[in-house]
Amino acid sequence: MFSGETEYSLSYYGRVPRDLEVQVRVLLAEDEWLIRMDLAWILEEQGCEVWEARDAEQALAILEEVRTFDALVTDVDMPGSLDGLTLAFAIRDRLPDCRTLFVSGEKEPTTGEMPEGSLFLSKPVSPATLIAGLRT
């Protein structure tokens, strides 16, 4: 690599500049495995520690074991008895400082449906937008 050149990684969504360093512990809840895999890869490329869950119930089980996260990245609609909104409120009750990013291609929750300070990102979300959401 030449001096002054930015290092990049490739993802489904395009090039990810590696100069967006974010050191956070992320709980990722996404039922579509390919999207979950790509989002996890983007986050890990930025230095995040990522725990992956296929639904809200698995995310809560992970929370019971790990006990602390800086951010939750979750889909809104997921299979099972809990959706991403319910998951976010359950996590906010235990971790009030946990940043919540909702990522969905279908349902955009209203501000009143999301925990205070949450952010909604529409799928497909770019790597830069995802990382910027964690920094906000």
Protein backbone atom coordinates (compact mmCIF):
# COMPACT_ATOMS: atom_id res chain seq x y z
CA MET A 1 0.00 0.00 0.00
CA PHE A 2 1.27 3.47 -0.88
CA SER A 3 1.74 6.26 1.64
CA GLY A 4 -1.46 8.25 2.22
CA GLU A 5 -3.65 5.57 0.65
CA THR A 6 -6.72 4.37 2.60
CA GLU A 7 -6.96 0.64 3.25
CA TYR A 8 -10.29 -0.92 2.22
CA SER A 9 -12.15 -4.18 2.71
CA LEU A 10 -14.92 -5.48 0.49
CA SER A 11 -18.44 -6.34 1.62
CA TYR A 12 -21.77 -7.02 -0.06
CA TYR A 13 -22.50 -3.29 0.21
CA GLY A 14 -19.21 -2.12 -1.29
CA ARG A 15 -15.88 -0.90 -0.04
CA VAL A 16 -15.44 -0.35 3.68
CA PRO A 17 -12.78 2.20 4.62
CA ARG A 18 -10.80 0.80 7.54
CA ASP A 19 -10.06 4.23 8.92
CA LEU A 20 -13.49 4.25 10.66
CA GLU A 21 -12.17 2.67 13.86
CA VAL A 22 -14.89 1.90 16.40
CA GLN A 23 -14.08 -0.09 19.54
CA VAL A 24 -17.43 -1.29 20.83
CA ARG A 25 -19.08 -4.52 21.97
CA VAL A 26 -22.08 -5.14 19.70
CA LEU A 27 -25.03 -7.49 20.06
CA LEU A 28 -26.35 -8.13 16.54
CA ALA A 29 -29.87 -9.60 16.18
CA GLU A 30 -30.86 -10.38 12.59
CA ASP A 31 -32.92 -13.34 11.37
CA GLU A 32 -31.64 -13.31 7.77
CA TRP A 33 -28.31 -15.13 8.05
CA LEU A 34 -26.68 -13.55 4.98
CA ILE A 35 -27.46 -10.03 6.16
CA ARG A 36 -26.38 -10.94 9.71
CA MET A 37 -23.10 -12.35 8.40
CA ASP A 38 -22.38 -9.25 6.32
CA LEU A 39 -23.26 -6.78 9.09
CA ALA A 40 -21.11 -8.74 11.54
CA TRP A 41 -18.23 -8.72 9.08
CA ILE A 42 -18.51 -4.95 8.57
CA LEU A 43 -18.53 -4.36 12.33
CA GLU A 44 -15.63 -6.74 12.97
CA GLU A 45 -13.57 -5.08 10.23
CA GLN A 46 -13.91 -1.86 12.23
CA GLY A 47 -12.60 -3.49 15.39
CA CYS A 48 -15.95 -4.21 17.05
CA GLU A 49 -16.51 -7.33 19.13
CA VAL A 50 -19.72 -8.85 17.74
CA TRP A 51 -22.09 -11.43 19.21
CA GLU A 52 -24.62 -12.72 16.67
CA ALA A 53 -28.20 -13.79 17.38
CA ARG A 54 -30.76 -15.17 14.92
CA ASP A 55 -33.72 -13.80 16.92
CA ALA A 56 -34.60 -11.77 20.00
CA GLU A 57 -34.77 -14.80 22.29
CA GLN A 58 -31.23 -15.83 21.39
CA ALA A 59 -30.06 -12.23 21.86
CA LEU A 60 -31.46 -12.19 25.39
CA ALA A 61 -29.77 -15.51 26.14
CA ILE A 62 -26.46 -14.04 24.95
CA LEU A 63 -27.05 -10.98 27.13
CA GLU A 64 -27.50 -13.24 30.17
CA GLU A 65 -24.04 -14.72 29.56
CA VAL A 66 -22.07 -11.72 28.34
CA ARG A 67 -23.90 -9.11 30.49
CA THR A 68 -22.55 -5.96 28.85
CA PHE A 69 -22.76 -4.39 25.41
CA ASP A 70 -22.15 -0.91 24.08
CA ALA A 71 -24.59 -1.27 21.19
CA LEU A 72 -27.50 -3.32 19.91
CA VAL A 73 -27.99 -3.62 16.16
CA THR A 74 -31.33 -5.30 15.50
CA ASP A 75 -33.88 -5.96 12.81
CA VAL A 76 -37.39 -4.80 13.66
CA ASP A 77 -39.39 -7.82 12.52
CA MET A 78 -38.01 -11.22 13.49
CA PRO A 79 -39.54 -14.66 13.99
CA GLY A 80 -40.45 -15.81 17.47
CA SER A 81 -42.42 -14.31 20.30
CA LEU A 82 -40.31 -11.12 20.54
CA ASP A 83 -39.55 -8.52 17.89
CA GLY A 84 -36.62 -6.12 17.74
CA LEU A 85 -38.56 -3.34 19.49
CA THR A 86 -39.34 -5.55 22.48
CA LEU A 87 -35.72 -6.73 22.53
CA ALA A 88 -34.45 -3.15 22.54
CA PHE A 89 -36.60 -2.17 25.53
CA ALA A 90 -35.55 -5.31 27.43
CA ILE A 91 -31.90 -4.50 26.84
CA ARG A 92 -32.39 -0.81 27.67
CA ASP A 93 -33.87 -1.84 31.04
CA ARG A 94 -30.66 -3.77 31.84
CA LEU A 95 -28.15 -1.57 30.01
CA PRO A 96 -29.44 2.03 29.96
CA ASP A 97 -26.35 3.33 28.11
CA CYS A 98 -26.54 0.73 25.32
CA ARG A 99 -26.87 2.41 21.91
CA THR A 100 -29.67 0.93 19.78
CA LEU A 101 -29.68 0.83 15.98
CA PHE A 102 -32.72 -0.60 14.22
CA VAL A 103 -32.05 -1.92 10.72
CA SER A 104 -35.04 -2.89 8.58
CA GLY A 105 -36.07 -2.99 4.95
CA GLU A 106 -39.76 -3.15 5.69
CA LYS A 107 -41.02 -1.51 8.87
CA GLU A 108 -39.82 1.86 10.08
CA PRO A 109 -40.87 2.30 13.71
CA THR A 110 -42.06 5.67 14.94
CA THR A 111 -39.99 7.61 17.43
CA GLY A 112 -42.47 6.67 20.16
CA GLU A 113 -42.07 2.95 19.42
CA MET A 114 -38.29 3.00 19.89
CA PRO A 115 -36.29 3.51 23.09
CA GLU A 116 -35.18 7.10 23.50
CA GLY A 117 -31.99 7.89 21.58
CA SER A 118 -32.40 4.97 19.16
CA LEU A 119 -31.61 5.31 15.48
CA PHE A 120 -33.36 3.72 12.50
CA LEU A 121 -31.37 2.69 9.40
CA SER A 122 -33.11 1.46 6.27
CA LYS A 123 -31.79 -1.69 4.53
CA PRO A 124 -29.58 -1.95 2.71
CA VAL A 125 -27.38 0.07 5.03
CA SER A 126 -23.96 1.18 3.87
CA PRO A 127 -20.93 0.36 6.01
CA ALA A 128 -20.19 4.05 6.58
CA THR A 129 -23.79 4.69 7.71
CA LEU A 130 -23.69 1.71 10.08
CA ILE A 131 -20.44 2.83 11.67
CA ALA A 132 -21.60 6.45 11.85
CA GLY A 133 -24.73 5.23 13.66
CA LEU A 134 -22.59 3.61 16.31
CA ARG A 135 -20.63 6.81 16.79
CA THR A 136 -23.68 9.07 17.18
